[in-house]
Amino acid sequence: MKSTKLLMADHETILEALHVLEAIAAEIEHGKDMNKEDVRSLLAFLRNFADGSHHVKEEAIFFPALMQAGMNLQDGPLRVMAYEHERGRSLAAAMDEALSRDDKRDFVMYARRYVELLTQHIEKENYVLFDTADQTLTDEEDQKIADAFEHFEQTIVGTGTYERLHGAIETLASKYLGLVVQ
């Protein structure tokens, strides 16, 4: 499978988590108590899957391969994507900090900013960066990236970790969105 398709599959899971985060923020805004256990589980997913796996695959494997194929980090999409990853990390930390202070207003504010940032970020990657990558990378280069993703997932992330993380999102999606995620 193409490396960009593998990253887009991750994006679908991340978007599901963003829908859950949006639903939790809406509930809090409407006066419901914050279920800290669910929020911690969701933040752990974002930290471990979205940032600790997906963004690492992009930053350590995908972006360097694109640079090797001729894309420049300092101009254009790679620089923007790397900046937005850092911004997402800051917002996730701010949500975590607001949760620890039991500050619902700040949590909702940072959650909404995070959802907006990552939603737009994913759209840019899916429809701009990945199209450029598909035109830039040879089939051989692309296969090397896909193989490196698999190696990373098996050796760094660990067997069973993705299943556990996906299970956590399925549970939260069922609870907050009424969906059974496939």
N, C-alpha and C. Protein backbone atom coordinates (compact mmCIF):
# COMPACT_ATOMS: atom_id res chain seq x y z
N MET A 1 0.85 -1.18 0.00
CA MET A 1 0.00 0.00 0.00
C MET A 1 0.90 1.24 0.00
N LYS A 2 0.45 2.29 -0.66
CA LYS A 2 1.21 3.53 -0.73
C LYS A 2 1.37 4.13 0.68
N SER A 3 2.51 4.74 0.89
CA SER A 3 2.78 5.36 2.19
C SER A 3 1.74 6.43 2.52
N THR A 4 1.31 7.19 1.52
CA THR A 4 0.32 8.24 1.79
C THR A 4 -1.03 7.63 2.19
N LYS A 5 -1.36 6.49 1.63
CA LYS A 5 -2.62 5.82 2.02
C LYS A 5 -2.54 5.31 3.45
N LEU A 6 -1.37 4.85 3.85
CA LEU A 6 -1.19 4.40 5.24
C LEU A 6 -1.36 5.57 6.20
N LEU A 7 -0.79 6.72 5.84
CA LEU A 7 -0.93 7.90 6.69
C LEU A 7 -2.38 8.40 6.70
N MET A 8 -3.06 8.29 5.57
CA MET A 8 -4.46 8.70 5.51
C MET A 8 -5.34 7.79 6.38
N ALA A 9 -5.00 6.52 6.47
CA ALA A 9 -5.73 5.61 7.35
C ALA A 9 -5.57 6.06 8.81
N ASP A 10 -4.35 6.46 9.18
CA ASP A 10 -4.14 7.02 10.52
C ASP A 10 -5.01 8.26 10.71
N HIS A 11 -5.08 9.09 9.68
CA HIS A 11 -5.88 10.32 9.77
C HIS A 11 -7.34 10.02 10.08
N GLU A 12 -7.87 8.97 9.50
CA GLU A 12 -9.28 8.62 9.77
C GLU A 12 -9.49 8.33 11.25
N THR A 13 -8.55 7.61 11.85
CA THR A 13 -8.64 7.30 13.27
C THR A 13 -8.49 8.56 14.10
N ILE A 14 -7.57 9.43 13.72
CA ILE A 14 -7.37 10.69 14.44
C ILE A 14 -8.61 11.57 14.33
N LEU A 15 -9.21 11.63 13.15
CA LEU A 15 -10.44 12.42 12.98
C LEU A 15 -11.56 11.89 13.87
N GLU A 16 -11.64 10.59 14.02
CA GLU A 16 -12.64 10.00 14.94
C GLU A 16 -12.40 10.50 16.36
N ALA A 17 -11.13 10.51 16.77
CA ALA A 17 -10.79 11.01 18.10
C ALA A 17 -11.14 12.49 18.23
N LEU A 18 -10.94 13.26 17.17
CA LEU A 18 -11.29 14.68 17.21
C LEU A 18 -12.80 14.88 17.34
N HIS A 19 -13.57 14.03 16.70
CA HIS A 19 -15.04 14.09 16.86
C HIS A 19 -15.44 13.81 18.31
N VAL A 20 -14.77 12.86 18.92
CA VAL A 20 -15.03 12.55 20.34
C VAL A 20 -14.66 13.75 21.20
N LEU A 21 -13.49 14.34 20.94
CA LEU A 21 -13.05 15.51 21.71
C LEU A 21 -14.04 16.66 21.56
N GLU A 22 -14.53 16.87 20.37
CA GLU A 22 -15.53 17.92 20.13
C GLU A 22 -16.81 17.63 20.91
N ALA A 23 -17.23 16.37 20.92
CA ALA A 23 -18.45 16.00 21.66
C ALA A 23 -18.26 16.20 23.16
N ILE A 24 -17.10 15.85 23.68
CA ILE A 24 -16.82 16.04 25.11
C ILE A 24 -16.82 17.53 25.44
N ALA A 25 -16.18 18.33 24.59
CA ALA A 25 -16.15 19.78 24.81
C ALA A 25 -17.56 20.36 24.80
N ALA A 26 -18.40 19.90 23.88
CA ALA A 26 -19.79 20.38 23.80
C ALA A 26 -20.57 20.01 25.06
N GLU A 27 -20.37 18.79 25.55
CA GLU A 27 -21.05 18.38 26.78
C GLU A 27 -20.63 19.26 27.96
N ILE A 28 -19.35 19.53 28.06
CA ILE A 28 -18.85 20.37 29.16
C ILE A 28 -19.44 21.77 29.05
N GLU A 29 -19.48 22.31 27.83
CA GLU A 29 -20.05 23.64 27.61
C GLU A 29 -21.52 23.70 28.01
N HIS A 30 -22.21 22.60 27.86
CA HIS A 30 -23.63 22.54 28.21
C HIS A 30 -23.87 22.12 29.65
N GLY A 31 -22.83 22.22 30.47
CA GLY A 31 -22.99 22.03 31.90
C GLY A 31 -22.81 20.62 32.42
N LYS A 32 -22.51 19.68 31.56
CA LYS A 32 -22.27 18.32 32.06
C LYS A 32 -20.93 18.26 32.76
N ASP A 33 -20.83 17.37 33.73
CA ASP A 33 -19.56 17.17 34.41
C ASP A 33 -18.53 16.58 33.44
N MET A 34 -17.28 16.96 33.63
CA MET A 34 -16.21 16.42 32.82
C MET A 34 -15.85 15.04 33.36
N ASN A 35 -15.96 14.03 32.50
CA ASN A 35 -15.55 12.69 32.88
C ASN A 35 -14.03 12.62 32.70
N LYS A 36 -13.31 12.85 33.80
CA LYS A 36 -11.85 12.96 33.71
C LYS A 36 -11.20 11.68 33.21
N GLU A 37 -11.77 10.54 33.54
CA GLU A 37 -11.20 9.27 33.07
C GLU A 37 -11.29 9.18 31.55
N ASP A 38 -12.43 9.56 30.99
CA ASP A 38 -12.58 9.54 29.53
C ASP A 38 -11.65 10.56 28.88
N VAL A 39 -11.56 11.75 29.47
CA VAL A 39 -10.69 12.78 28.91
C VAL A 39 -9.24 12.32 28.97
N ARG A 40 -8.83 11.73 30.07
CA ARG A 40 -7.45 11.22 30.17
C ARG A 40 -7.19 10.13 29.12
N SER A 41 -8.17 9.27 28.92
CA SER A 41 -8.03 8.22 27.91
C SER A 41 -7.89 8.82 26.52
N LEU A 42 -8.69 9.83 26.23
CA LEU A 42 -8.63 10.48 24.93
C LEU A 42 -7.30 11.22 24.75
N LEU A 43 -6.86 11.94 25.78
CA LEU A 43 -5.58 12.64 25.70
C LEU A 43 -4.42 11.65 25.55
N ALA A 44 -4.52 10.50 26.21
CA ALA A 44 -3.49 9.47 26.06
C ALA A 44 -3.46 8.96 24.63
N PHE A 45 -4.63 8.78 24.03
CA PHE A 45 -4.68 8.36 22.62
C PHE A 45 -4.01 9.40 21.74
N LEU A 46 -4.37 10.66 21.93
CA LEU A 46 -3.79 11.72 21.10
C LEU A 46 -2.27 11.79 21.28
N ARG A 47 -1.82 11.63 22.51
CA ARG A 47 -0.39 11.68 22.80
C ARG A 47 0.33 10.46 22.20
N ASN A 48 -0.25 9.28 22.37
CA ASN A 48 0.43 8.05 21.95
C ASN A 48 0.24 7.70 20.49
N PHE A 49 -0.95 7.92 19.96
CA PHE A 49 -1.20 7.55 18.56
C PHE A 49 -0.96 8.73 17.62
N ALA A 50 -1.71 9.82 17.81
CA ALA A 50 -1.61 10.94 16.88
C ALA A 50 -0.20 11.53 16.89
N ASP A 51 0.32 11.79 18.07
CA ASP A 51 1.63 12.42 18.14
C ASP A 51 2.76 11.40 18.24
N GLY A 52 2.65 10.45 19.15
CA GLY A 52 3.74 9.53 19.42
C GLY A 52 3.97 8.49 18.35
N SER A 53 3.01 8.26 17.49
CA SER A 53 3.20 7.31 16.40
C SER A 53 3.06 8.01 15.04
N HIS A 54 1.89 8.54 14.76
CA HIS A 54 1.63 9.11 13.44
C HIS A 54 2.58 10.26 13.11
N HIS A 55 2.66 11.24 13.98
CA HIS A 55 3.54 12.38 13.69
C HIS A 55 5.01 11.98 13.68
N VAL A 56 5.37 11.01 14.50
CA VAL A 56 6.75 10.53 14.48
C VAL A 56 7.05 9.86 13.14
N LYS A 57 6.12 9.06 12.63
CA LYS A 57 6.33 8.43 11.31
C LYS A 57 6.52 9.51 10.25
N GLU A 58 5.73 10.56 10.33
CA GLU A 58 5.88 11.64 9.35
C GLU A 58 7.23 12.34 9.51
N GLU A 59 7.56 12.74 10.74
CA GLU A 59 8.75 13.55 10.98
C GLU A 59 10.06 12.76 10.83
N ALA A 60 10.06 11.51 11.22
CA ALA A 60 11.30 10.72 11.21
C ALA A 60 11.48 9.90 9.93
N ILE A 61 10.39 9.62 9.22
CA ILE A 61 10.49 8.75 8.05
C ILE A 61 10.02 9.47 6.78
N PHE A 62 8.79 9.96 6.80
CA PHE A 62 8.15 10.50 5.59
C PHE A 62 8.79 11.81 5.14
N PHE A 63 8.89 12.79 6.04
CA PHE A 63 9.45 14.09 5.67
C PHE A 63 10.90 13.96 5.18
N PRO A 64 11.77 13.22 5.91
CA PRO A 64 13.14 13.07 5.40
C PRO A 64 13.20 12.41 4.01
N ALA A 65 12.31 11.45 3.76
CA ALA A 65 12.28 10.81 2.44
C ALA A 65 11.87 11.82 1.37
N LEU A 66 10.91 12.67 1.71
CA LEU A 66 10.50 13.71 0.76
C LEU A 66 11.63 14.70 0.51
N MET A 67 12.36 15.05 1.56
CA MET A 67 13.50 15.96 1.38
C MET A 67 14.57 15.31 0.51
N GLN A 68 14.80 14.02 0.72
CA GLN A 68 15.77 13.30 -0.09
C GLN A 68 15.33 13.25 -1.56
N ALA A 69 14.02 13.26 -1.77
CA ALA A 69 13.49 13.23 -3.13
C ALA A 69 13.41 14.64 -3.74
N GLY A 70 13.83 15.66 -2.97
CA GLY A 70 13.92 17.00 -3.54
C GLY A 70 13.08 18.08 -2.91
N MET A 71 12.20 17.73 -1.97
CA MET A 71 11.41 18.77 -1.30
C MET A 71 12.27 19.45 -0.24
N ASN A 72 12.06 20.74 -0.08
CA ASN A 72 12.83 21.55 0.87
C ASN A 72 12.03 21.71 2.16
N LEU A 73 12.68 21.47 3.30
CA LEU A 73 12.00 21.62 4.59
C LEU A 73 11.68 23.08 4.89
N GLN A 74 12.55 23.98 4.50
CA GLN A 74 12.39 25.38 4.91
C GLN A 74 11.31 26.14 4.15
N ASP A 75 10.99 25.73 2.94
CA ASP A 75 9.93 26.41 2.19
C ASP A 75 8.77 25.44 2.04
N GLY A 76 7.60 25.97 2.13
CA GLY A 76 6.44 25.21 1.75
C GLY A 76 5.89 24.25 2.77
N PRO A 77 5.26 23.20 2.26
CA PRO A 77 4.41 22.37 3.10
C PRO A 77 5.12 21.63 4.24
N LEU A 78 6.34 21.18 4.06
CA LEU A 78 6.99 20.43 5.14
C LEU A 78 7.22 21.31 6.37
N ARG A 79 7.61 22.53 6.16
CA ARG A 79 7.82 23.45 7.27
C ARG A 79 6.50 23.72 8.00
N VAL A 80 5.43 23.94 7.24
CA VAL A 80 4.11 24.19 7.82
C VAL A 80 3.65 22.98 8.62
N MET A 81 3.83 21.78 8.06
CA MET A 81 3.38 20.56 8.74
C MET A 81 4.15 20.37 10.05
N ALA A 82 5.47 20.57 10.02
CA ALA A 82 6.28 20.42 11.23
C ALA A 82 5.86 21.45 12.29
N TYR A 83 5.62 22.68 11.88
CA TYR A 83 5.16 23.71 12.82
C TYR A 83 3.82 23.31 13.43
N GLU A 84 2.91 22.83 12.62
CA GLU A 84 1.58 22.46 13.13
C GLU A 84 1.66 21.27 14.07
N HIS A 85 2.59 20.35 13.85
CA HIS A 85 2.79 19.26 14.81
C HIS A 85 3.18 19.84 16.16
N GLU A 86 4.11 20.79 16.16
CA GLU A 86 4.54 21.42 17.42
C GLU A 86 3.39 22.17 18.08
N ARG A 87 2.61 22.86 17.31
CA ARG A 87 1.45 23.60 17.83
C ARG A 87 0.45 22.61 18.46
N GLY A 88 0.23 21.49 17.81
CA GLY A 88 -0.66 20.47 18.35
C GLY A 88 -0.16 19.93 19.68
N ARG A 89 1.15 19.72 19.78
CA ARG A 89 1.73 19.26 21.05
C ARG A 89 1.48 20.28 22.16
N SER A 90 1.64 21.54 21.84
CA SER A 90 1.41 22.60 22.84
C SER A 90 -0.05 22.62 23.28
N LEU A 91 -0.95 22.50 22.34
CA LEU A 91 -2.38 22.52 22.69
C LEU A 91 -2.77 21.27 23.49
N ALA A 92 -2.21 20.12 23.15
CA ALA A 92 -2.49 18.90 23.92
C ALA A 92 -1.98 19.05 25.35
N ALA A 93 -0.79 19.64 25.51
CA ALA A 93 -0.25 19.88 26.85
C ALA A 93 -1.12 20.86 27.61
N ALA A 94 -1.64 21.87 26.92
CA ALA A 94 -2.51 22.85 27.57
C ALA A 94 -3.83 22.20 28.01
N MET A 95 -4.36 21.28 27.19
CA MET A 95 -5.58 20.57 27.61
C MET A 95 -5.30 19.73 28.85
N ASP A 96 -4.17 19.05 28.86
CA ASP A 96 -3.79 18.21 29.99
C ASP A 96 -3.64 19.06 31.26
N GLU A 97 -3.02 20.21 31.10
CA GLU A 97 -2.81 21.10 32.24
C GLU A 97 -4.14 21.65 32.75
N ALA A 98 -5.05 22.02 31.84
CA ALA A 98 -6.38 22.50 32.23
C ALA A 98 -7.15 21.40 32.95
N LEU A 99 -7.01 20.17 32.48
CA LEU A 99 -7.66 19.03 33.14
C LEU A 99 -7.14 18.87 34.56
N SER A 100 -5.83 19.00 34.74
CA SER A 100 -5.25 18.83 36.08
C SER A 100 -5.70 19.94 37.03
N ARG A 101 -6.03 21.11 36.49
CA ARG A 101 -6.54 22.22 37.32
C ARG A 101 -8.07 22.18 37.43
N ASP A 102 -8.69 21.22 36.75
CA ASP A 102 -10.15 21.12 36.69
C ASP A 102 -10.76 22.41 36.16
N ASP A 103 -10.08 23.01 35.18
CA ASP A 103 -10.53 24.25 34.57
C ASP A 103 -11.28 23.92 33.28
N LYS A 104 -12.59 23.79 33.40
CA LYS A 104 -13.41 23.37 32.27
C LYS A 104 -13.37 24.39 31.13
N ARG A 105 -13.39 25.67 31.46
CA ARG A 105 -13.41 26.72 30.43
C ARG A 105 -12.15 26.65 29.59
N ASP A 106 -10.99 26.57 30.25
CA ASP A 106 -9.73 26.47 29.51
C ASP A 106 -9.65 25.17 28.72
N PHE A 107 -10.10 24.08 29.32
CA PHE A 107 -10.07 22.81 28.61
C PHE A 107 -10.85 22.90 27.31
N VAL A 108 -12.07 23.43 27.38
CA VAL A 108 -12.91 23.55 26.18
C VAL A 108 -12.24 24.45 25.15
N MET A 109 -11.68 25.55 25.59
CA MET A 109 -11.01 26.48 24.67
C MET A 109 -9.86 25.78 23.94
N TYR A 110 -9.00 25.10 24.71
CA TYR A 110 -7.87 24.42 24.08
C TYR A 110 -8.32 23.24 23.23
N ALA A 111 -9.35 22.55 23.66
CA ALA A 111 -9.87 21.42 22.88
C ALA A 111 -10.37 21.90 21.53
N ARG A 112 -11.11 22.98 21.52
CA ARG A 112 -11.65 23.50 20.25
C ARG A 112 -10.51 23.96 19.32
N ARG A 113 -9.50 24.60 19.89
CA ARG A 113 -8.35 25.02 19.08
C ARG A 113 -7.62 23.81 18.51
N TYR A 114 -7.48 22.77 19.32
CA TYR A 114 -6.80 21.55 18.88
C TYR A 114 -7.59 20.88 17.75
N VAL A 115 -8.90 20.77 17.92
CA VAL A 115 -9.74 20.15 16.89
C VAL A 115 -9.62 20.93 15.59
N GLU A 116 -9.70 22.25 15.67
CA GLU A 116 -9.60 23.08 14.47
C GLU A 116 -8.24 22.91 13.80
N LEU A 117 -7.18 22.98 14.59
CA LEU A 117 -5.82 22.85 14.04
C LEU A 117 -5.64 21.51 13.35
N LEU A 118 -5.94 20.42 14.06
CA LEU A 118 -5.69 19.11 13.47
C LEU A 118 -6.60 18.80 12.29
N THR A 119 -7.83 19.26 12.33
CA THR A 119 -8.74 19.04 11.20
C THR A 119 -8.19 19.72 9.95
N GLN A 120 -7.78 20.98 10.10
CA GLN A 120 -7.21 21.70 8.95
C GLN A 120 -5.87 21.08 8.52
N HIS A 121 -5.08 20.67 9.50
CA HIS A 121 -3.78 20.05 9.23
C HIS A 121 -3.95 18.78 8.40
N ILE A 122 -4.87 17.95 8.80
CA ILE A 122 -5.12 16.69 8.09
C ILE A 122 -5.59 16.97 6.67
N GLU A 123 -6.45 17.98 6.52
CA GLU A 123 -6.92 18.33 5.17
C GLU A 123 -5.75 18.78 4.29
N LYS A 124 -4.85 19.59 4.83
CA LYS A 124 -3.67 20.03 4.06
C LYS A 124 -2.80 18.84 3.67
N GLU A 125 -2.59 17.93 4.61
CA GLU A 125 -1.76 16.76 4.30
C GLU A 125 -2.44 15.89 3.25
N ASN A 126 -3.71 15.58 3.46
CA ASN A 126 -4.41 14.68 2.55
C ASN A 126 -4.49 15.23 1.13
N TYR A 127 -4.75 16.54 0.99
CA TYR A 127 -5.05 17.09 -0.34
C TYR A 127 -3.95 17.94 -0.95
N VAL A 128 -2.91 18.26 -0.19
CA VAL A 128 -1.81 19.03 -0.76
C VAL A 128 -0.51 18.21 -0.66
N LEU A 129 -0.06 17.97 0.57
CA LEU A 129 1.23 17.31 0.76
C LEU A 129 1.24 15.91 0.14
N PHE A 130 0.21 15.12 0.40
CA PHE A 130 0.22 13.74 -0.08
C PHE A 130 0.12 13.67 -1.61
N ASP A 131 -0.63 14.59 -2.22
CA ASP A 131 -0.66 14.63 -3.69
C ASP A 131 0.73 14.93 -4.24
N THR A 132 1.41 15.91 -3.62
CA THR A 132 2.77 16.25 -4.04
C THR A 132 3.70 15.05 -3.83
N ALA A 133 3.57 14.39 -2.69
CA ALA A 133 4.41 13.23 -2.41
C ALA A 133 4.19 12.12 -3.44
N ASP A 134 2.93 11.87 -3.76
CA ASP A 134 2.63 10.81 -4.74
C ASP A 134 3.23 11.13 -6.10
N GLN A 135 3.33 12.41 -6.44
CA GLN A 135 3.93 12.80 -7.72
C GLN A 135 5.46 12.82 -7.65
N THR A 136 6.01 12.98 -6.45
CA THR A 136 7.46 13.13 -6.27
C THR A 136 8.17 11.81 -6.08
N LEU A 137 7.60 10.93 -5.28
CA LEU A 137 8.27 9.68 -4.91
C LEU A 137 8.15 8.63 -6.01
N THR A 138 9.26 7.92 -6.23
CA THR A 138 9.19 6.76 -7.12
C THR A 138 8.49 5.62 -6.37
N ASP A 139 8.07 4.61 -7.10
CA ASP A 139 7.45 3.44 -6.46
C ASP A 139 8.40 2.80 -5.46
N GLU A 140 9.68 2.73 -5.82
CA GLU A 140 10.68 2.14 -4.93
C GLU A 140 10.85 2.97 -3.65
N GLU A 141 10.93 4.28 -3.79
CA GLU A 141 11.04 5.16 -2.61
C GLU A 141 9.82 5.03 -1.72
N ASP A 142 8.65 4.99 -2.35
CA ASP A 142 7.41 4.87 -1.60
C ASP A 142 7.36 3.56 -0.83
N GLN A 143 7.78 2.48 -1.45
CA GLN A 143 7.78 1.18 -0.79
C GLN A 143 8.72 1.16 0.40
N LYS A 144 9.87 1.81 0.27
CA LYS A 144 10.81 1.90 1.39
C LYS A 144 10.18 2.63 2.57
N ILE A 145 9.43 3.67 2.28
CA ILE A 145 8.75 4.42 3.34
C ILE A 145 7.70 3.53 4.01
N ALA A 146 6.89 2.86 3.21
CA ALA A 146 5.85 1.98 3.77
C ALA A 146 6.49 0.88 4.62
N ASP A 147 7.59 0.32 4.17
CA ASP A 147 8.30 -0.70 4.95
C ASP A 147 8.83 -0.12 6.26
N ALA A 148 9.36 1.10 6.19
CA ALA A 148 9.88 1.75 7.41
C ALA A 148 8.74 2.03 8.39
N PHE A 149 7.57 2.39 7.88
CA PHE A 149 6.41 2.58 8.77
C PHE A 149 6.09 1.28 9.50
N GLU A 150 6.05 0.18 8.76
CA GLU A 150 5.73 -1.12 9.36
C GLU A 150 6.77 -1.50 10.41
N HIS A 151 8.05 -1.29 10.08
CA HIS A 151 9.12 -1.59 11.02
C HIS A 151 8.97 -0.76 12.29
N PHE A 152 8.69 0.52 12.14
CA PHE A 152 8.49 1.42 13.27
C PHE A 152 7.33 0.93 14.15
N GLU A 153 6.22 0.59 13.52
CA GLU A 153 5.04 0.15 14.26
C GLU A 153 5.33 -1.14 15.04
N GLN A 154 6.08 -2.05 14.45
CA GLN A 154 6.36 -3.32 15.11
C GLN A 154 7.42 -3.20 16.20
N THR A 155 8.48 -2.44 15.94
CA THR A 155 9.60 -2.42 16.87
C THR A 155 9.54 -1.28 17.89
N ILE A 156 9.03 -0.14 17.51
CA ILE A 156 8.99 1.01 18.42
C ILE A 156 7.64 1.10 19.14
N VAL A 157 6.57 1.07 18.37
CA VAL A 157 5.24 1.18 18.97
C VAL A 157 4.90 -0.09 19.72
N GLY A 158 5.19 -1.23 19.11
CA GLY A 158 4.97 -2.50 19.78
C GLY A 158 3.72 -3.22 19.34
N THR A 159 3.81 -4.52 19.32
CA THR A 159 2.69 -5.37 18.94
C THR A 159 1.55 -5.20 19.94
N GLY A 160 0.36 -5.03 19.41
CA GLY A 160 -0.82 -4.91 20.26
C GLY A 160 -1.15 -3.49 20.68
N THR A 161 -0.20 -2.58 20.54
CA THR A 161 -0.44 -1.20 20.98
C THR A 161 -1.51 -0.54 20.13
N TYR A 162 -1.43 -0.70 18.80
CA TYR A 162 -2.44 -0.08 17.93
C TYR A 162 -3.84 -0.63 18.24
N GLU A 163 -3.91 -1.92 18.46
CA GLU A 163 -5.21 -2.52 18.76
C GLU A 163 -5.78 -1.93 20.06
N ARG A 164 -4.92 -1.77 21.05
CA ARG A 164 -5.36 -1.20 22.33
C ARG A 164 -5.82 0.25 22.15
N LEU A 165 -5.04 1.04 21.40
CA LEU A 165 -5.40 2.44 21.17
C LEU A 165 -6.69 2.56 20.36
N HIS A 166 -6.81 1.75 19.32
CA HIS A 166 -8.05 1.76 18.52
C HIS A 166 -9.25 1.35 19.37
N GLY A 167 -9.04 0.38 20.25
CA GLY A 167 -10.12 -0.04 21.13
C GLY A 167 -10.58 1.08 22.05
N ALA A 168 -9.64 1.87 22.53
CA ALA A 168 -9.99 3.01 23.40
C ALA A 168 -10.84 4.01 22.64
N ILE A 169 -10.48 4.30 21.40
CA ILE A 169 -11.26 5.25 20.60
C ILE A 169 -12.62 4.67 20.26
N GLU A 170 -12.69 3.39 19.95
CA GLU A 170 -13.98 2.76 19.67
C GLU A 170 -14.92 2.89 20.86
N THR A 171 -14.39 2.66 22.05
CA THR A 171 -15.19 2.77 23.27
C THR A 171 -15.69 4.20 23.47
N LEU A 172 -14.79 5.16 23.31
CA LEU A 172 -15.18 6.57 23.49
C LEU A 172 -16.15 7.03 22.39
N ALA A 173 -15.94 6.59 21.16
CA ALA A 173 -16.84 6.95 20.06
C ALA A 173 -18.23 6.39 20.31
N SER A 174 -18.29 5.16 20.81
CA SER A 174 -19.58 4.55 21.12
C SER A 174 -20.30 5.34 22.21
N LYS A 175 -19.55 5.78 23.21
CA LYS A 175 -20.13 6.49 24.34
C LYS A 175 -20.57 7.91 23.97
N TYR A 176 -19.71 8.63 23.25
CA TYR A 176 -19.96 10.05 22.99
C TYR A 176 -20.60 10.34 21.64
N LEU A 177 -20.44 9.45 20.70
CA LEU A 177 -20.99 9.70 19.37
C LEU A 177 -22.08 8.69 18.99
N GLY A 178 -22.24 7.67 19.82
CA GLY A 178 -23.22 6.65 19.51
C GLY A 178 -22.83 5.79 18.32
N LEU A 179 -21.53 5.76 18.01
CA LEU A 179 -21.05 5.03 16.84
C LEU A 179 -20.34 3.76 17.25
N VAL A 180 -20.47 2.78 16.42
CA VAL A 180 -19.64 1.59 16.55
C VAL A 180 -18.61 1.71 15.43
N VAL A 181 -17.35 1.92 15.80
CA VAL A 181 -16.29 2.13 14.82
C VAL A 181 -15.82 0.78 14.31
N GLN A 182 -15.67 0.70 13.02
CA GLN A 182 -15.21 -0.55 12.40
C GLN A 182 -13.73 -0.53 12.21
